[in-house]
């Protein structure tokens, strides 16, 4: 596949910023605790589904204190319409317990400490920091991965490698780029039947082939 040039990268960068500078996650949350839970649940699950699950979940478990004391089966019951709910329930309990024991009940706001929480990998930690603090970080989900490859910004085989490539190429306004690439991939540059007639980056597209991570 033909690589995107530096001039093209600069123009792609500007167009994303112009269009998505105010974009935020579609996950619904009120505080850092709710954001971490929602992002963790969204792994391999749609934001729409997560937003259907979390209102009742947060009503029953409004903070890490209540969640850390929860019964695992009760948590599973609230999450059973979410993909991989068994593992996610276990990780959320462990996450809450660690936040209580190590971080005095407050969600830590740095990537290293976030990654020390069960179920919080690099992508989840970065998404939380991007959304909650506007950190200059990139996170690569299936949408960002697909868009990056279609635009010739990356030919990396993994999300982590793609993230490093995007950070190197774009350098700044990464939080807006992440949010923009997610929304662009979700609604325009879709996996199947991309809406090329609505695309504002047509001239940079290298292929409509679907790339999966």
C-alpha atoms as a PDB file:
ATOM      1  CA  UNK A   1       0.000   0.000   0.000  1.00  0.00           C
ATOM      2  CA  UNK A   2       1.249   3.498  -0.838  1.00  0.00           C
ATOM      3  CA  UNK A   3       2.400   5.434   2.214  1.00  0.00           C
ATOM      4  CA  UNK A   4       0.955   8.809   3.112  1.00  0.00           C
ATOM      5  CA  UNK A   5       3.380  11.708   2.596  1.00  0.00           C
ATOM      6  CA  UNK A   6       4.348  14.282   5.219  1.00  0.00           C
ATOM      7  CA  UNK A   7       2.313  16.935   3.407  1.00  0.00           C
ATOM      8  CA  UNK A   8      -0.716  14.641   3.379  1.00  0.00           C
ATOM      9  CA  UNK A   9      -0.255  13.824   7.076  1.00  0.00           C
ATOM     10  CA  UNK A  10      -0.245  17.538   7.899  1.00  0.00           C
ATOM     11  CA  UNK A  11      -3.462  18.074   5.936  1.00  0.00           C
ATOM     12  CA  UNK A  12      -5.164  15.005   7.472  1.00  0.00           C
ATOM     13  CA  UNK A  13      -4.160  16.273  10.909  1.00  0.00           C
ATOM     14  CA  UNK A  14      -5.681  19.696  10.248  1.00  0.00           C
ATOM     15  CA  UNK A  15      -8.919  18.330   8.849  1.00  0.00           C
ATOM     16  CA  UNK A  16      -9.471  16.078  11.839  1.00  0.00           C
ATOM     17  CA  UNK A  17      -8.799  18.957  14.231  1.00  0.00           C
ATOM     18  CA  UNK A  18     -11.093  21.321  12.315  1.00  0.00           C
ATOM     19  CA  UNK A  19     -13.937  18.805  12.340  1.00  0.00           C
ATOM     20  CA  UNK A  20     -13.532  17.120  15.722  1.00  0.00           C
ATOM     21  CA  UNK A  21     -11.774  19.583  18.031  1.00  0.00           C
ATOM     22  CA  UNK A  22     -14.671  19.499  20.497  1.00  0.00           C
ATOM     23  CA  UNK A  23     -15.409  15.782  20.227  1.00  0.00           C
ATOM     24  CA  UNK A  24     -15.793  13.720  23.394  1.00  0.00           C
ATOM     25  CA  UNK A  25     -16.559  10.089  24.134  1.00  0.00           C
ATOM     26  CA  UNK A  26     -20.094   8.840  23.591  1.00  0.00           C
ATOM     27  CA  UNK A  27     -19.872   6.900  26.848  1.00  0.00           C
ATOM     28  CA  UNK A  28     -21.984   8.448  29.590  1.00  0.00           C
ATOM     29  CA  UNK A  29     -20.287   9.155  32.922  1.00  0.00           C
ATOM     30  CA  UNK A  30     -20.302  11.630  35.808  1.00  0.00           C
ATOM     31  CA  UNK A  31     -16.863  11.188  37.351  1.00  0.00           C
ATOM     32  CA  UNK A  32     -13.534   9.386  36.979  1.00  0.00           C
ATOM     33  CA  UNK A  33     -14.850   6.194  38.576  1.00  0.00           C
ATOM     34  CA  UNK A  34     -17.775   5.971  36.166  1.00  0.00           C
ATOM     35  CA  UNK A  35     -15.474   6.721  33.230  1.00  0.00           C
ATOM     36  CA  UNK A  36     -13.042   3.928  34.122  1.00  0.00           C
ATOM     37  CA  UNK A  37     -15.897   1.443  34.500  1.00  0.00           C
ATOM     38  CA  UNK A  38     -17.532   2.513  31.237  1.00  0.00           C
ATOM     39  CA  UNK A  39     -14.295   2.386  29.237  1.00  0.00           C
ATOM     40  CA  UNK A  40     -13.421  -1.024  30.688  1.00  0.00           C
ATOM     41  CA  UNK A  41     -16.859  -2.350  29.759  1.00  0.00           C
ATOM     42  CA  UNK A  42     -16.611  -0.919  26.236  1.00  0.00           C
ATOM     43  CA  UNK A  43     -13.796  -3.295  25.259  1.00  0.00           C
ATOM     44  CA  UNK A  44     -15.218  -5.427  22.425  1.00  0.00           C
ATOM     45  CA  UNK A  45     -18.643  -3.980  23.205  1.00  0.00           C
ATOM     46  CA  UNK A  46     -20.460  -0.976  21.731  1.00  0.00           C
ATOM     47  CA  UNK A  47     -20.771   2.314  23.600  1.00  0.00           C
ATOM     48  CA  UNK A  48     -24.515   2.113  23.012  1.00  0.00           C
ATOM     49  CA  UNK A  49     -24.720  -1.200  24.868  1.00  0.00           C
ATOM     50  CA  UNK A  50     -22.522   0.079  27.707  1.00  0.00           C
ATOM     51  CA  UNK A  51     -24.751   3.136  28.113  1.00  0.00           C
ATOM     52  CA  UNK A  52     -27.728   0.831  28.552  1.00  0.00           C
ATOM     53  CA  UNK A  53     -25.958  -1.159  31.255  1.00  0.00           C
ATOM     54  CA  UNK A  54     -24.252   1.490  33.369  1.00  0.00           C
ATOM     55  CA  UNK A  55     -27.214   3.502  34.780  1.00  0.00           C
ATOM     56  CA  UNK A  56     -28.415   0.585  36.910  1.00  0.00           C
ATOM     57  CA  UNK A  57     -24.849  -0.464  37.676  1.00  0.00           C
ATOM     58  CA  UNK A  58     -23.931   2.986  38.985  1.00  0.00           C
ATOM     59  CA  UNK A  59     -27.182   3.183  40.930  1.00  0.00           C
ATOM     60  CA  UNK A  60     -26.226   0.009  42.807  1.00  0.00           C
ATOM     61  CA  UNK A  61     -22.472   0.685  42.933  1.00  0.00           C
ATOM     62  CA  UNK A  62     -21.975   4.480  42.898  1.00  0.00           C
ATOM     63  CA  UNK A  63     -18.288   4.361  43.876  1.00  0.00           C
ATOM     64  CA  UNK A  64     -15.313   2.081  44.397  1.00  0.00           C
ATOM     65  CA  UNK A  65     -16.184   1.637  48.062  1.00  0.00           C
ATOM     66  CA  UNK A  66     -19.545   0.005  47.351  1.00  0.00           C
ATOM     67  CA  UNK A  67     -18.177  -1.943  44.386  1.00  0.00           C
ATOM     68  CA  UNK A  68     -15.227  -3.299  46.365  1.00  0.00           C
ATOM     69  CA  UNK A  69     -17.676  -4.909  48.797  1.00  0.00           C
ATOM     70  CA  UNK A  70     -19.966  -6.317  46.107  1.00  0.00           C
ATOM     71  CA  UNK A  71     -20.867  -9.941  45.540  1.00  0.00           C
ATOM     72  CA  UNK A  72     -19.358 -11.188  42.288  1.00  0.00           C
ATOM     73  CA  UNK A  73     -22.549 -12.911  41.146  1.00  0.00           C
ATOM     74  CA  UNK A  74     -24.552  -9.741  41.723  1.00  0.00           C
ATOM     75  CA  UNK A  75     -22.111  -7.776  39.581  1.00  0.00           C
ATOM     76  CA  UNK A  76     -22.260 -10.407  36.839  1.00  0.00           C
ATOM     77  CA  UNK A  77     -26.053 -10.206  36.847  1.00  0.00           C
ATOM     78  CA  UNK A  78     -25.901  -6.481  36.094  1.00  0.00           C
ATOM     79  CA  UNK A  79     -23.356  -6.960  33.325  1.00  0.00           C
ATOM     80  CA  UNK A  80     -24.695 -10.097  31.659  1.00  0.00           C
ATOM     81  CA  UNK A  81     -25.689  -8.330  28.428  1.00  0.00           C
ATOM     82  CA  UNK A  82     -22.117  -7.083  27.983  1.00  0.00           C
ATOM     83  CA  UNK A  83     -19.533  -9.083  26.069  1.00  0.00           C
ATOM     84  CA  UNK A  84     -17.113 -11.039  28.287  1.00  0.00           C
ATOM     85  CA  UNK A  85     -19.117  -9.990  31.350  1.00  0.00           C
ATOM     86  CA  UNK A  86     -17.646 -12.724  33.577  1.00  0.00           C
ATOM     87  CA  UNK A  87     -14.081 -11.467  33.240  1.00  0.00           C
ATOM     88  CA  UNK A  88     -15.141  -7.849  33.295  1.00  0.00           C
ATOM     89  CA  UNK A  89     -17.067  -8.364  36.540  1.00  0.00           C
ATOM     90  CA  UNK A  90     -14.041  -9.980  38.193  1.00  0.00           C
ATOM     91  CA  UNK A  91     -11.730  -7.210  37.004  1.00  0.00           C
ATOM     92  CA  UNK A  92     -14.066  -4.435  38.157  1.00  0.00           C
ATOM     93  CA  UNK A  93     -14.170  -5.900  41.665  1.00  0.00           C
ATOM     94  CA  UNK A  94     -10.365  -6.156  41.750  1.00  0.00           C
ATOM     95  CA  UNK A  95     -10.067  -2.632  40.340  1.00  0.00           C
ATOM     96  CA  UNK A  96     -12.348  -1.202  43.022  1.00  0.00           C
ATOM     97  CA  UNK A  97     -10.527  -3.026  45.805  1.00  0.00           C
ATOM     98  CA  UNK A  98      -7.124  -1.739  44.664  1.00  0.00           C
ATOM     99  CA  UNK A  99      -8.406   1.820  44.354  1.00  0.00           C
ATOM    100  CA  UNK A 100      -9.697   1.579  47.921  1.00  0.00           C
ATOM    101  CA  UNK A 101      -6.572  -0.009  49.367  1.00  0.00           C
ATOM    102  CA  UNK A 102      -3.833   1.755  47.398  1.00  0.00           C
ATOM    103  CA  UNK A 103      -5.331   5.031  46.179  1.00  0.00           C
ATOM    104  CA  UNK A 104      -7.589   5.978  49.092  1.00  0.00           C
ATOM    105  CA  UNK A 105     -10.746   5.515  47.067  1.00  0.00           C
ATOM    106  CA  UNK A 106      -9.747   7.925  44.295  1.00  0.00           C
ATOM    107  CA  UNK A 107      -9.118   6.913  40.697  1.00  0.00           C
ATOM    108  CA  UNK A 108      -5.464   7.727  39.927  1.00  0.00           C
ATOM    109  CA  UNK A 109      -4.967  10.087  37.023  1.00  0.00           C
ATOM    110  CA  UNK A 110      -1.753   8.940  35.424  1.00  0.00           C
ATOM    111  CA  UNK A 111      -1.191   6.155  32.918  1.00  0.00           C
ATOM    112  CA  UNK A 112       1.150   4.072  35.075  1.00  0.00           C
ATOM    113  CA  UNK A 113      -1.175   3.893  38.071  1.00  0.00           C
ATOM    114  CA  UNK A 114      -4.253   3.365  35.903  1.00  0.00           C
ATOM    115  CA  UNK A 115      -2.543   0.397  34.280  1.00  0.00           C
ATOM    116  CA  UNK A 116      -1.963  -1.112  37.709  1.00  0.00           C
ATOM    117  CA  UNK A 117      -5.740  -1.579  37.984  1.00  0.00           C
ATOM    118  CA  UNK A 118      -7.264  -4.895  36.934  1.00  0.00           C
ATOM    119  CA  UNK A 119      -8.720  -4.820  33.446  1.00  0.00           C
ATOM    120  CA  UNK A 120      -7.051  -1.510  32.571  1.00  0.00           C
ATOM    121  CA  UNK A 121      -4.509  -1.914  29.797  1.00  0.00           C
ATOM    122  CA  UNK A 122      -2.641   0.749  27.872  1.00  0.00           C
ATOM    123  CA  UNK A 123      -5.552   1.589  25.579  1.00  0.00           C
ATOM    124  CA  UNK A 124      -8.062   1.917  28.422  1.00  0.00           C
ATOM    125  CA  UNK A 125      -5.666   4.010  30.512  1.00  0.00           C
ATOM    126  CA  UNK A 126      -4.980   6.315  27.571  1.00  0.00           C
ATOM    127  CA  UNK A 127      -8.678   6.696  26.753  1.00  0.00           C
ATOM    128  CA  UNK A 128      -9.409   7.665  30.369  1.00  0.00           C
ATOM    129  CA  UNK A 129      -6.601  10.226  30.378  1.00  0.00           C
ATOM    130  CA  UNK A 130      -7.625  11.625  26.978  1.00  0.00           C
ATOM    131  CA  UNK A 131     -11.257  12.005  27.966  1.00  0.00           C
ATOM    132  CA  UNK A 132     -10.861  13.127  31.589  1.00  0.00           C
ATOM    133  CA  UNK A 133      -7.762  15.310  31.391  1.00  0.00           C
ATOM    134  CA  UNK A 134      -7.324  16.104  27.687  1.00  0.00           C
ATOM    135  CA  UNK A 135      -3.920  14.432  27.802  1.00  0.00           C
ATOM    136  CA  UNK A 136      -1.827  14.496  24.638  1.00  0.00           C
ATOM    137  CA  UNK A 137      -2.080  10.739  24.153  1.00  0.00           C
ATOM    138  CA  UNK A 138      -3.302   8.392  21.434  1.00  0.00           C
ATOM    139  CA  UNK A 139      -5.375   5.257  21.962  1.00  0.00           C
ATOM    140  CA  UNK A 140      -6.020   2.751  19.194  1.00  0.00           C
ATOM    141  CA  UNK A 141      -9.285   0.850  19.117  1.00  0.00           C
ATOM    142  CA  UNK A 142     -10.706  -1.051  16.143  1.00  0.00           C
ATOM    143  CA  UNK A 143     -11.931   2.188  14.514  1.00  0.00           C
ATOM    144  CA  UNK A 144      -8.643   4.061  14.858  1.00  0.00           C
ATOM    145  CA  UNK A 145      -6.753   0.985  13.648  1.00  0.00           C
ATOM    146  CA  UNK A 146      -8.912   0.673  10.524  1.00  0.00           C
ATOM    147  CA  UNK A 147      -8.823   4.392   9.693  1.00  0.00           C
ATOM    148  CA  UNK A 148      -5.046   4.561  10.185  1.00  0.00           C
ATOM    149  CA  UNK A 149      -4.484   1.727   7.752  1.00  0.00           C
ATOM    150  CA  UNK A 150      -6.970   2.941   5.152  1.00  0.00           C
ATOM    151  CA  UNK A 151      -5.343   6.373   5.138  1.00  0.00           C
ATOM    152  CA  UNK A 152      -1.877   4.859   4.834  1.00  0.00           C
ATOM    153  CA  UNK A 153      -0.796   6.277   8.177  1.00  0.00           C
ATOM    154  CA  UNK A 154       0.266   2.873   9.474  1.00  0.00           C
ATOM    155  CA  UNK A 155       0.880  -0.665   8.298  1.00  0.00           C
ATOM    156  CA  UNK A 156       1.566  -1.954  11.797  1.00  0.00           C
ATOM    157  CA  UNK A 157       0.084  -5.281  12.826  1.00  0.00           C
ATOM    158  CA  UNK A 158      -0.892  -4.387  16.395  1.00  0.00           C
ATOM    159  CA  UNK A 159      -2.753  -1.593  18.154  1.00  0.00           C
ATOM    160  CA  UNK A 160       0.238  -0.728  20.353  1.00  0.00           C
ATOM    161  CA  UNK A 161       2.564  -0.393  17.356  1.00  0.00           C
ATOM    162  CA  UNK A 162      -0.040   1.658  15.492  1.00  0.00           C
ATOM    163  CA  UNK A 163      -0.353   3.960  18.512  1.00  0.00           C
ATOM    164  CA  UNK A 164       3.412   4.593  18.535  1.00  0.00           C
ATOM    165  CA  UNK A 165       3.374   5.344  14.800  1.00  0.00           C
ATOM    166  CA  UNK A 166       0.493   7.820  15.100  1.00  0.00           C
ATOM    167  CA  UNK A 167       2.122   9.590  18.055  1.00  0.00           C
ATOM    168  CA  UNK A 168       5.343   9.969  16.065  1.00  0.00           C
ATOM    169  CA  UNK A 169       3.576  11.275  12.959  1.00  0.00           C
ATOM    170  CA  UNK A 170       1.028  13.610  14.544  1.00  0.00           C
ATOM    171  CA  UNK A 171       2.785  14.640  17.802  1.00  0.00           C
ATOM    172  CA  UNK A 172       0.215  17.188  19.018  1.00  0.00           C
ATOM    173  CA  UNK A 173      -3.545  17.526  19.515  1.00  0.00           C
ATOM    174  CA  UNK A 174      -3.563  13.758  19.927  1.00  0.00           C
ATOM    175  CA  UNK A 175      -6.614  13.785  22.219  1.00  0.00           C
ATOM    176  CA  UNK A 176      -8.743  15.444  19.524  1.00  0.00           C
ATOM    177  CA  UNK A 177      -7.278  13.189  16.850  1.00  0.00           C
ATOM    178  CA  UNK A 178      -8.167  10.104  18.858  1.00  0.00           C
ATOM    179  CA  UNK A 179     -11.739  11.225  19.451  1.00  0.00           C
ATOM    180  CA  UNK A 180     -12.080  12.275  15.830  1.00  0.00           C
ATOM    181  CA  UNK A 181     -10.701   9.060  14.390  1.00  0.00           C
ATOM    182  CA  UNK A 182     -13.042   7.017  16.583  1.00  0.00           C
ATOM    183  CA  UNK A 183     -16.115   8.947  15.421  1.00  0.00           C
ATOM    184  CA  UNK A 184     -14.926   9.010  11.807  1.00  0.00           C
ATOM    185  CA  UNK A 185     -14.430   5.239  11.859  1.00  0.00           C
ATOM    186  CA  UNK A 186     -17.704   4.612  13.657  1.00  0.00           C
ATOM    187  CA  UNK A 187     -19.952   6.675  11.391  1.00  0.00           C
ATOM    188  CA  UNK A 188     -18.186   7.357   8.076  1.00  0.00           C
ATOM    189  CA  UNK A 189     -15.189   5.081   7.489  1.00  0.00           C
ATOM    190  CA  UNK A 190     -17.094   2.017   8.690  1.00  0.00           C
ATOM    191  CA  UNK A 191     -15.782  -1.538   8.469  1.00  0.00           C
ATOM    192  CA  UNK A 192     -18.471  -2.566   5.996  1.00  0.00           C
ATOM    193  CA  UNK A 193     -19.890  -0.284   3.324  1.00  0.00           C
ATOM    194  CA  UNK A 194     -17.912   2.865   4.245  1.00  0.00           C
ATOM    195  CA  UNK A 195     -19.751   6.088   3.440  1.00  0.00           C
ATOM    196  CA  UNK A 196     -17.221   7.340   0.947  1.00  0.00           C
ATOM    197  CA  UNK A 197     -19.659   9.932  -0.405  1.00  0.00           C
ATOM    198  CA  UNK A 198     -19.653  11.604   3.040  1.00  0.00           C
ATOM    199  CA  UNK A 199     -15.892  11.363   3.561  1.00  0.00           C
ATOM    200  CA  UNK A 200     -13.843  14.555   3.927  1.00  0.00           C
ATOM    201  CA  UNK A 201     -10.583  12.630   3.404  1.00  0.00           C
ATOM    202  CA  UNK A 202     -11.356  10.885   0.109  1.00  0.00           C
ATOM    203  CA  UNK A 203      -8.234  12.015  -1.690  1.00  0.00           C
ATOM    204  CA  UNK A 204      -6.021  10.436   0.973  1.00  0.00           C
ATOM    205  CA  UNK A 205      -7.726   7.045   1.080  1.00  0.00           C
ATOM    206  CA  UNK A 206      -5.532   4.140  -0.014  1.00  0.00           C
ATOM    207  CA  UNK A 207      -8.124   1.358   0.213  1.00  0.00           C
ATOM    208  CA  UNK A 208     -11.585   0.463   1.539  1.00  0.00           C
ATOM    209  CA  UNK A 209     -10.244  -2.897   2.713  1.00  0.00           C
ATOM    210  CA  UNK A 210     -11.246  -3.747   6.272  1.00  0.00           C
ATOM    211  CA  UNK A 211      -8.371  -3.943   8.757  1.00  0.00           C
ATOM    212  CA  UNK A 212      -8.936  -5.602  12.121  1.00  0.00           C
ATOM    213  CA  UNK A 213      -6.947  -5.502  15.324  1.00  0.00           C
END
